[in-house]
């Protein structure tokens, strides 16, 4: 099926950002592999936020948010989009570098499964994360949007170890 004529409507932002970023660098993929950093990036789809705003919305300490913002900024996924003077301090507002992130890994594709040795607890945690991702995907259904599919799964296998 040819999807070259599909139209994608990107979210409107309150700051300038590129339309698309292909995320393929290991540092970028690792940065997005954390649930909290993913939540921050998803939240920044709506509008730019300060560390204080993100901490209040996510219900976590500002220091924790600040750490994760630095990781995302170093990975080139977010940037300071504006600042504001608050008394003697300068408050930074962070935004995404692009409105849409396309994840690409050189390590595999849907036709080439990944293999890892996991203990039962790690497999359970990964399944929960994938369930949340699948729920996010399902909840993002937009009337009039282009059809997309998501395939995920973690299961024991007898695949050769490499």
N, C-alpha and C. Protein backbone atom coordinates (compact mmCIF):
# COMPACT_ATOMS: atom_id res chain seq x y z
N UNK A 1 0.83 -1.17 0.00
CA UNK A 1 0.00 0.00 0.00
C UNK A 1 0.88 1.24 0.00
N UNK A 2 0.59 2.19 -0.86
CA UNK A 2 1.37 3.41 -0.97
C UNK A 2 0.81 4.46 -0.02
N UNK A 3 1.65 4.89 0.94
CA UNK A 3 1.22 5.88 1.92
C UNK A 3 1.86 7.23 1.63
N UNK A 4 2.45 7.43 0.47
CA UNK A 4 3.17 8.65 0.20
C UNK A 4 2.27 9.87 0.12
N UNK A 5 0.97 9.69 -0.08
CA UNK A 5 0.08 10.84 -0.18
C UNK A 5 -0.69 11.09 1.12
N UNK A 6 -0.35 10.37 2.21
CA UNK A 6 -1.03 10.57 3.48
C UNK A 6 -0.71 11.96 4.03
N UNK A 7 -1.68 12.56 4.68
CA UNK A 7 -1.50 13.85 5.32
C UNK A 7 -1.48 13.64 6.82
N UNK A 8 -0.51 14.24 7.46
CA UNK A 8 -0.40 14.16 8.91
C UNK A 8 -0.60 15.57 9.45
N UNK A 9 -1.54 15.73 10.37
CA UNK A 9 -1.76 17.02 11.00
C UNK A 9 -0.97 17.05 12.30
N UNK A 10 -0.03 17.98 12.39
CA UNK A 10 0.83 18.09 13.56
C UNK A 10 0.22 19.07 14.55
N UNK A 11 0.47 18.85 15.85
CA UNK A 11 -0.11 19.74 16.85
C UNK A 11 0.42 21.17 16.72
N UNK A 12 -0.44 22.15 17.00
CA UNK A 12 -0.01 23.54 17.03
C UNK A 12 0.73 23.77 18.33
N UNK A 13 1.83 24.49 18.28
CA UNK A 13 2.63 24.75 19.48
C UNK A 13 2.67 26.25 19.75
N UNK A 14 2.99 26.61 20.99
CA UNK A 14 3.12 28.02 21.34
C UNK A 14 4.57 28.50 21.21
N UNK A 15 5.37 27.77 20.43
CA UNK A 15 6.76 28.13 20.15
C UNK A 15 7.14 27.53 18.80
N UNK A 16 8.24 28.01 18.23
CA UNK A 16 8.70 27.49 16.94
C UNK A 16 9.43 26.16 17.14
N UNK A 17 9.13 25.21 16.27
CA UNK A 17 9.80 23.90 16.29
C UNK A 17 9.78 23.34 14.88
N UNK A 18 10.75 22.50 14.59
CA UNK A 18 10.73 21.80 13.31
C UNK A 18 9.48 20.93 13.24
N UNK A 19 9.09 20.54 12.04
CA UNK A 19 7.93 19.66 11.91
C UNK A 19 8.25 18.25 12.37
N UNK A 20 9.42 17.71 11.92
CA UNK A 20 9.72 16.30 12.17
C UNK A 20 11.18 16.15 12.59
N UNK A 21 11.41 15.25 13.54
CA UNK A 21 12.76 14.82 13.90
C UNK A 21 12.80 13.31 13.83
N UNK A 22 13.71 12.76 13.06
CA UNK A 22 13.91 11.31 13.04
C UNK A 22 14.86 10.99 14.19
N UNK A 23 14.34 10.26 15.17
CA UNK A 23 15.08 9.92 16.37
C UNK A 23 15.72 8.57 16.13
N UNK A 24 17.06 8.58 15.98
CA UNK A 24 17.74 7.31 15.71
C UNK A 24 19.03 7.15 16.49
N UNK A 25 19.54 8.24 17.06
CA UNK A 25 20.79 8.15 17.82
C UNK A 25 20.54 7.37 19.12
N UNK A 26 21.48 6.51 19.51
CA UNK A 26 21.30 5.72 20.73
C UNK A 26 20.98 6.58 21.96
N UNK A 27 21.65 7.74 22.10
CA UNK A 27 21.39 8.61 23.25
C UNK A 27 19.94 9.11 23.24
N UNK A 28 19.42 9.42 22.06
CA UNK A 28 18.04 9.88 21.95
C UNK A 28 17.07 8.75 22.29
N UNK A 29 17.31 7.58 21.75
CA UNK A 29 16.44 6.43 22.01
C UNK A 29 16.45 6.06 23.49
N UNK A 30 17.65 6.11 24.12
CA UNK A 30 17.74 5.82 25.55
C UNK A 30 16.97 6.87 26.35
N UNK A 31 17.10 8.12 25.96
CA UNK A 31 16.40 9.20 26.68
C UNK A 31 14.90 8.97 26.64
N UNK A 32 14.37 8.54 25.52
CA UNK A 32 12.93 8.31 25.40
C UNK A 32 12.50 6.98 26.00
N UNK A 33 13.46 6.15 26.38
CA UNK A 33 13.14 4.84 26.97
C UNK A 33 12.69 4.92 28.42
N UNK A 34 12.80 6.09 29.03
CA UNK A 34 12.39 6.27 30.42
C UNK A 34 10.95 6.79 30.45
N UNK A 35 10.10 6.18 31.29
CA UNK A 35 8.69 6.57 31.37
C UNK A 35 8.49 8.04 31.71
N UNK A 36 9.24 8.56 32.67
CA UNK A 36 9.07 9.95 33.08
C UNK A 36 9.50 10.90 31.97
N UNK A 37 10.63 10.60 31.32
CA UNK A 37 11.06 11.47 30.22
C UNK A 37 10.07 11.42 29.06
N UNK A 38 9.50 10.25 28.81
CA UNK A 38 8.47 10.15 27.77
C UNK A 38 7.27 11.00 28.15
N UNK A 39 6.87 10.95 29.41
CA UNK A 39 5.73 11.76 29.88
C UNK A 39 6.02 13.25 29.70
N UNK A 40 7.24 13.66 29.97
CA UNK A 40 7.62 15.07 29.79
C UNK A 40 7.53 15.46 28.32
N UNK A 41 8.09 14.64 27.44
CA UNK A 41 8.06 14.94 26.01
C UNK A 41 6.62 14.99 25.50
N UNK A 42 5.79 14.06 25.95
CA UNK A 42 4.38 14.05 25.55
C UNK A 42 3.70 15.33 26.04
N UNK A 43 3.95 15.73 27.28
CA UNK A 43 3.35 16.95 27.82
C UNK A 43 3.77 18.19 27.03
N UNK A 44 5.01 18.21 26.59
CA UNK A 44 5.52 19.37 25.84
C UNK A 44 4.92 19.45 24.44
N UNK A 45 4.15 18.43 24.03
CA UNK A 45 3.41 18.50 22.77
C UNK A 45 2.35 19.60 22.83
N UNK A 46 1.82 19.85 24.02
CA UNK A 46 0.75 20.83 24.20
C UNK A 46 1.27 22.26 24.21
N UNK A 47 2.32 22.52 24.99
CA UNK A 47 2.88 23.86 25.11
C UNK A 47 4.20 23.77 25.86
N UNK A 48 4.96 24.87 25.78
CA UNK A 48 6.21 24.94 26.53
C UNK A 48 5.89 24.98 28.02
N UNK A 49 6.80 24.44 28.84
CA UNK A 49 6.61 24.41 30.30
C UNK A 49 7.92 24.72 31.00
N UNK A 50 7.79 25.27 32.19
CA UNK A 50 8.96 25.46 33.05
C UNK A 50 9.13 24.22 33.91
N UNK A 51 10.27 24.14 34.57
CA UNK A 51 10.53 23.03 35.49
C UNK A 51 9.47 23.00 36.58
N UNK A 52 9.13 24.15 37.12
CA UNK A 52 8.12 24.23 38.19
C UNK A 52 6.76 23.75 37.71
N UNK A 53 6.36 24.15 36.52
CA UNK A 53 5.07 23.72 35.99
C UNK A 53 5.02 22.21 35.78
N UNK A 54 6.10 21.67 35.20
CA UNK A 54 6.15 20.21 34.98
C UNK A 54 6.11 19.46 36.31
N UNK A 55 6.86 19.95 37.30
CA UNK A 55 6.89 19.30 38.61
C UNK A 55 5.49 19.28 39.23
N UNK A 56 4.79 20.40 39.14
CA UNK A 56 3.45 20.47 39.71
C UNK A 56 2.48 19.55 38.96
N UNK A 57 2.54 19.56 37.64
CA UNK A 57 1.64 18.72 36.84
C UNK A 57 1.90 17.24 37.03
N UNK A 58 3.17 16.86 37.13
CA UNK A 58 3.53 15.45 37.24
C UNK A 58 3.58 14.97 38.69
N UNK A 59 3.52 15.91 39.64
CA UNK A 59 3.52 15.54 41.05
C UNK A 59 4.84 14.98 41.53
N UNK A 60 5.94 15.54 41.02
CA UNK A 60 7.27 15.07 41.42
C UNK A 60 8.15 16.28 41.74
N UNK A 61 9.26 16.08 42.49
CA UNK A 61 10.12 17.20 42.86
C UNK A 61 10.76 17.91 41.66
N UNK A 62 10.97 19.23 41.82
CA UNK A 62 11.60 20.02 40.74
C UNK A 62 12.99 19.48 40.39
N UNK A 63 13.73 19.02 41.39
CA UNK A 63 15.07 18.49 41.12
C UNK A 63 15.03 17.28 40.22
N UNK A 64 14.05 16.42 40.41
CA UNK A 64 13.88 15.23 39.56
C UNK A 64 13.54 15.65 38.13
N UNK A 65 12.61 16.59 38.02
CA UNK A 65 12.23 17.10 36.69
C UNK A 65 13.45 17.72 36.01
N UNK A 66 14.20 18.54 36.77
CA UNK A 66 15.38 19.20 36.22
C UNK A 66 16.39 18.21 35.66
N UNK A 67 16.61 17.12 36.39
CA UNK A 67 17.53 16.09 35.92
C UNK A 67 17.07 15.52 34.57
N UNK A 68 15.80 15.16 34.48
CA UNK A 68 15.28 14.55 33.26
C UNK A 68 15.25 15.55 32.10
N UNK A 69 15.00 16.83 32.39
CA UNK A 69 15.06 17.84 31.35
C UNK A 69 16.48 17.95 30.78
N UNK A 70 17.48 17.86 31.64
CA UNK A 70 18.87 17.92 31.18
C UNK A 70 19.20 16.74 30.27
N UNK A 71 18.73 15.55 30.64
CA UNK A 71 18.97 14.36 29.80
C UNK A 71 18.33 14.56 28.43
N UNK A 72 17.09 15.03 28.41
CA UNK A 72 16.39 15.24 27.13
C UNK A 72 17.05 16.35 26.32
N UNK A 73 17.52 17.39 26.99
CA UNK A 73 18.18 18.50 26.29
C UNK A 73 19.51 18.04 25.70
N UNK A 74 20.30 17.29 26.49
CA UNK A 74 21.58 16.76 25.97
C UNK A 74 21.37 15.85 24.77
N UNK A 75 20.25 15.12 24.77
CA UNK A 75 19.96 14.20 23.65
C UNK A 75 19.43 14.95 22.43
N UNK A 76 19.20 16.24 22.56
CA UNK A 76 18.73 17.03 21.43
C UNK A 76 17.24 16.87 21.14
N UNK A 77 16.46 16.49 22.15
CA UNK A 77 15.03 16.28 21.95
C UNK A 77 14.19 17.48 22.41
N UNK A 78 14.71 18.24 23.36
CA UNK A 78 14.03 19.45 23.81
C UNK A 78 15.04 20.58 23.87
N UNK A 79 14.54 21.81 24.01
CA UNK A 79 15.43 22.97 24.13
C UNK A 79 14.69 24.06 24.89
N UNK A 80 15.44 25.05 25.36
CA UNK A 80 14.83 26.21 25.98
C UNK A 80 14.23 27.04 24.86
N UNK A 81 12.92 27.31 24.95
CA UNK A 81 12.24 28.05 23.88
C UNK A 81 11.96 29.49 24.27
N UNK A 82 11.99 29.78 25.58
CA UNK A 82 11.86 31.16 26.05
C UNK A 82 12.24 31.20 27.53
N UNK A 83 12.47 32.40 28.00
CA UNK A 83 12.80 32.61 29.40
C UNK A 83 11.92 33.73 29.95
N UNK A 84 11.85 33.77 31.27
CA UNK A 84 11.05 34.80 31.93
C UNK A 84 11.73 35.14 33.24
N UNK A 85 11.84 36.43 33.54
CA UNK A 85 12.43 36.87 34.80
C UNK A 85 11.41 36.71 35.92
N UNK A 86 11.81 36.01 36.97
CA UNK A 86 10.99 35.86 38.17
C UNK A 86 11.85 36.31 39.33
N UNK A 87 11.57 37.51 39.82
CA UNK A 87 12.41 38.16 40.83
C UNK A 87 13.83 38.22 40.29
N UNK A 88 14.78 37.62 41.01
CA UNK A 88 16.18 37.70 40.58
C UNK A 88 16.58 36.51 39.70
N UNK A 89 15.64 35.59 39.45
CA UNK A 89 15.96 34.37 38.70
C UNK A 89 15.40 34.43 37.29
N UNK A 90 16.00 33.66 36.41
CA UNK A 90 15.48 33.51 35.05
C UNK A 90 14.86 32.12 34.95
N UNK A 91 13.56 32.08 34.69
CA UNK A 91 12.85 30.82 34.56
C UNK A 91 12.89 30.39 33.10
N UNK A 92 13.32 29.15 32.87
CA UNK A 92 13.41 28.61 31.51
C UNK A 92 12.15 27.83 31.17
N UNK A 93 11.69 28.00 29.93
CA UNK A 93 10.57 27.23 29.42
C UNK A 93 11.09 26.31 28.34
N UNK A 94 10.77 25.02 28.48
CA UNK A 94 11.27 24.00 27.57
C UNK A 94 10.19 23.60 26.57
N UNK A 95 10.65 23.29 25.36
CA UNK A 95 9.77 22.79 24.32
C UNK A 95 10.49 21.74 23.51
N UNK A 96 9.74 21.01 22.73
CA UNK A 96 10.31 19.97 21.87
C UNK A 96 11.05 20.63 20.71
N UNK A 97 12.05 19.95 20.17
CA UNK A 97 12.76 20.48 19.01
C UNK A 97 11.95 20.25 17.73
N UNK A 98 10.99 19.32 17.79
CA UNK A 98 10.14 19.03 16.64
C UNK A 98 8.74 18.66 17.14
N UNK A 99 7.76 18.91 16.30
CA UNK A 99 6.39 18.60 16.68
C UNK A 99 6.11 17.10 16.61
N UNK A 100 6.83 16.40 15.74
CA UNK A 100 6.64 14.97 15.56
C UNK A 100 7.99 14.28 15.64
N UNK A 101 8.08 13.24 16.46
CA UNK A 101 9.28 12.41 16.54
C UNK A 101 8.98 11.10 15.83
N UNK A 102 9.86 10.69 14.94
CA UNK A 102 9.77 9.39 14.29
C UNK A 102 10.94 8.57 14.80
N UNK A 103 10.63 7.47 15.48
CA UNK A 103 11.67 6.63 16.06
C UNK A 103 12.16 5.62 15.05
N UNK A 104 13.48 5.59 14.87
CA UNK A 104 14.11 4.63 13.96
C UNK A 104 15.29 4.02 14.68
N UNK A 105 15.35 2.72 14.68
CA UNK A 105 16.48 2.03 15.27
C UNK A 105 17.17 1.23 14.19
N UNK A 106 18.47 1.28 14.20
CA UNK A 106 19.24 0.51 13.22
C UNK A 106 19.32 -0.95 13.64
N UNK A 107 18.86 -1.26 14.87
CA UNK A 107 19.03 -2.59 15.42
C UNK A 107 17.92 -3.57 15.06
N UNK A 108 16.87 -3.09 14.43
CA UNK A 108 15.80 -4.03 14.12
C UNK A 108 14.61 -3.33 13.50
N UNK A 109 13.65 -4.11 13.09
CA UNK A 109 12.42 -3.61 12.51
C UNK A 109 11.33 -4.59 12.89
N UNK A 110 10.07 -4.29 12.55
CA UNK A 110 9.02 -5.24 12.91
C UNK A 110 9.24 -6.65 12.38
N UNK A 111 9.96 -6.79 11.27
CA UNK A 111 10.20 -8.13 10.74
C UNK A 111 11.43 -8.79 11.36
N UNK A 112 12.18 -8.06 12.14
CA UNK A 112 13.37 -8.60 12.81
C UNK A 112 13.23 -8.38 14.31
N UNK A 113 12.74 -9.37 15.05
CA UNK A 113 12.52 -9.17 16.49
C UNK A 113 13.83 -8.94 17.24
N UNK A 114 13.72 -8.19 18.33
CA UNK A 114 14.83 -8.02 19.25
C UNK A 114 14.85 -9.22 20.18
N UNK A 115 16.01 -9.56 20.70
CA UNK A 115 16.13 -10.65 21.65
C UNK A 115 16.87 -10.14 22.88
N UNK A 116 16.39 -10.51 24.05
CA UNK A 116 17.06 -10.16 25.30
C UNK A 116 16.78 -11.23 26.33
N UNK A 117 17.71 -11.41 27.22
CA UNK A 117 17.50 -12.33 28.35
C UNK A 117 16.93 -11.52 29.50
N UNK A 118 15.73 -11.87 29.95
CA UNK A 118 15.06 -11.14 31.01
C UNK A 118 14.69 -12.07 32.16
N UNK A 119 14.83 -11.57 33.38
CA UNK A 119 14.28 -12.36 34.49
C UNK A 119 12.78 -12.06 34.53
N UNK A 120 12.04 -12.81 35.34
CA UNK A 120 10.57 -12.70 35.36
C UNK A 120 10.12 -11.30 35.72
N UNK A 121 10.76 -10.66 36.69
CA UNK A 121 10.36 -9.32 37.13
C UNK A 121 10.60 -8.29 36.02
N UNK A 122 11.76 -8.35 35.34
CA UNK A 122 12.03 -7.42 34.25
C UNK A 122 11.05 -7.61 33.10
N UNK A 123 10.71 -8.85 32.79
CA UNK A 123 9.73 -9.12 31.73
C UNK A 123 8.37 -8.54 32.11
N UNK A 124 7.98 -8.69 33.37
CA UNK A 124 6.70 -8.14 33.84
C UNK A 124 6.69 -6.61 33.72
N UNK A 125 7.78 -5.96 34.15
CA UNK A 125 7.88 -4.49 34.06
C UNK A 125 7.80 -4.03 32.60
N UNK A 126 8.51 -4.72 31.72
CA UNK A 126 8.50 -4.35 30.31
C UNK A 126 7.10 -4.52 29.71
N UNK A 127 6.43 -5.60 30.07
CA UNK A 127 5.06 -5.80 29.58
C UNK A 127 4.14 -4.67 30.02
N UNK A 128 4.28 -4.23 31.29
CA UNK A 128 3.46 -3.12 31.78
C UNK A 128 3.74 -1.85 30.99
N UNK A 129 5.01 -1.57 30.70
CA UNK A 129 5.36 -0.37 29.92
C UNK A 129 4.77 -0.46 28.51
N UNK A 130 4.87 -1.65 27.91
CA UNK A 130 4.31 -1.82 26.57
C UNK A 130 2.79 -1.71 26.58
N UNK A 131 2.15 -2.20 27.64
CA UNK A 131 0.70 -2.05 27.77
C UNK A 131 0.31 -0.58 27.84
N UNK A 132 1.10 0.22 28.59
CA UNK A 132 0.81 1.66 28.67
C UNK A 132 1.01 2.32 27.31
N UNK A 133 2.07 1.93 26.61
CA UNK A 133 2.32 2.48 25.27
C UNK A 133 1.17 2.12 24.32
N UNK A 134 0.73 0.87 24.37
CA UNK A 134 -0.38 0.45 23.51
C UNK A 134 -1.66 1.22 23.86
N UNK A 135 -1.90 1.45 25.15
CA UNK A 135 -3.07 2.22 25.57
C UNK A 135 -2.96 3.67 25.07
N UNK A 136 -1.76 4.26 25.18
CA UNK A 136 -1.55 5.63 24.65
C UNK A 136 -1.84 5.67 23.16
N UNK A 137 -1.37 4.66 22.45
CA UNK A 137 -1.58 4.59 21.00
C UNK A 137 -3.08 4.53 20.70
N UNK A 138 -3.78 3.64 21.39
CA UNK A 138 -5.21 3.48 21.16
C UNK A 138 -5.98 4.75 21.50
N UNK A 139 -5.59 5.42 22.59
CA UNK A 139 -6.26 6.65 23.01
C UNK A 139 -5.94 7.85 22.13
N UNK A 140 -4.92 7.74 21.28
CA UNK A 140 -4.57 8.86 20.41
C UNK A 140 -5.32 8.81 19.09
N UNK A 141 -6.27 7.90 18.94
CA UNK A 141 -7.06 7.79 17.72
C UNK A 141 -7.74 9.12 17.42
N UNK A 142 -7.52 9.64 16.22
CA UNK A 142 -8.06 10.93 15.83
C UNK A 142 -8.96 10.76 14.62
N UNK A 143 -10.24 11.14 14.73
CA UNK A 143 -11.12 11.05 13.56
C UNK A 143 -10.52 11.83 12.40
N UNK A 144 -10.53 11.22 11.24
CA UNK A 144 -9.97 11.85 10.05
C UNK A 144 -8.47 11.67 9.90
N UNK A 145 -7.82 11.07 10.91
CA UNK A 145 -6.38 10.83 10.82
C UNK A 145 -6.07 9.66 9.91
N UNK A 146 -4.81 9.55 9.52
CA UNK A 146 -4.38 8.45 8.66
C UNK A 146 -4.29 7.17 9.49
N UNK A 147 -4.71 6.03 8.94
CA UNK A 147 -4.66 4.77 9.70
C UNK A 147 -3.22 4.34 9.99
N UNK A 148 -2.99 3.88 11.20
CA UNK A 148 -1.69 3.37 11.63
C UNK A 148 -1.93 2.11 12.44
N UNK A 149 -0.91 1.26 12.50
CA UNK A 149 -0.97 0.05 13.31
C UNK A 149 0.22 0.03 14.25
N UNK A 150 0.05 -0.62 15.39
CA UNK A 150 1.12 -0.81 16.35
C UNK A 150 1.14 -2.28 16.72
N UNK A 151 2.32 -2.88 16.67
CA UNK A 151 2.47 -4.27 17.04
C UNK A 151 3.54 -4.34 18.12
N UNK A 152 3.16 -4.89 19.29
CA UNK A 152 4.11 -5.04 20.38
C UNK A 152 3.90 -6.40 21.03
N UNK A 153 4.93 -6.90 21.67
CA UNK A 153 4.79 -8.15 22.39
C UNK A 153 6.10 -8.55 23.04
N UNK A 154 5.99 -9.12 24.21
CA UNK A 154 7.14 -9.69 24.91
C UNK A 154 6.71 -11.10 25.33
N UNK A 155 7.50 -12.07 24.93
CA UNK A 155 7.13 -13.45 25.24
C UNK A 155 8.39 -14.31 25.31
N UNK A 156 8.32 -15.37 26.10
CA UNK A 156 9.48 -16.29 26.16
C UNK A 156 9.68 -16.94 24.80
N UNK A 157 10.92 -17.18 24.46
CA UNK A 157 11.23 -17.79 23.17
C UNK A 157 12.42 -18.72 23.30
N UNK A 158 12.55 -19.56 22.35
CA UNK A 158 13.72 -20.45 22.28
C UNK A 158 14.67 -19.96 21.18
N UNK A 159 14.56 -18.68 20.85
CA UNK A 159 15.41 -18.11 19.80
C UNK A 159 16.87 -18.27 20.16
N UNK A 160 17.71 -18.45 19.15
CA UNK A 160 19.14 -18.55 19.44
C UNK A 160 19.65 -17.29 20.10
N UNK A 161 20.56 -17.45 21.02
CA UNK A 161 21.15 -16.29 21.69
C UNK A 161 22.34 -15.81 20.88
N UNK A 162 22.40 -14.48 20.75
CA UNK A 162 23.48 -13.93 19.94
C UNK A 162 24.22 -12.84 20.58
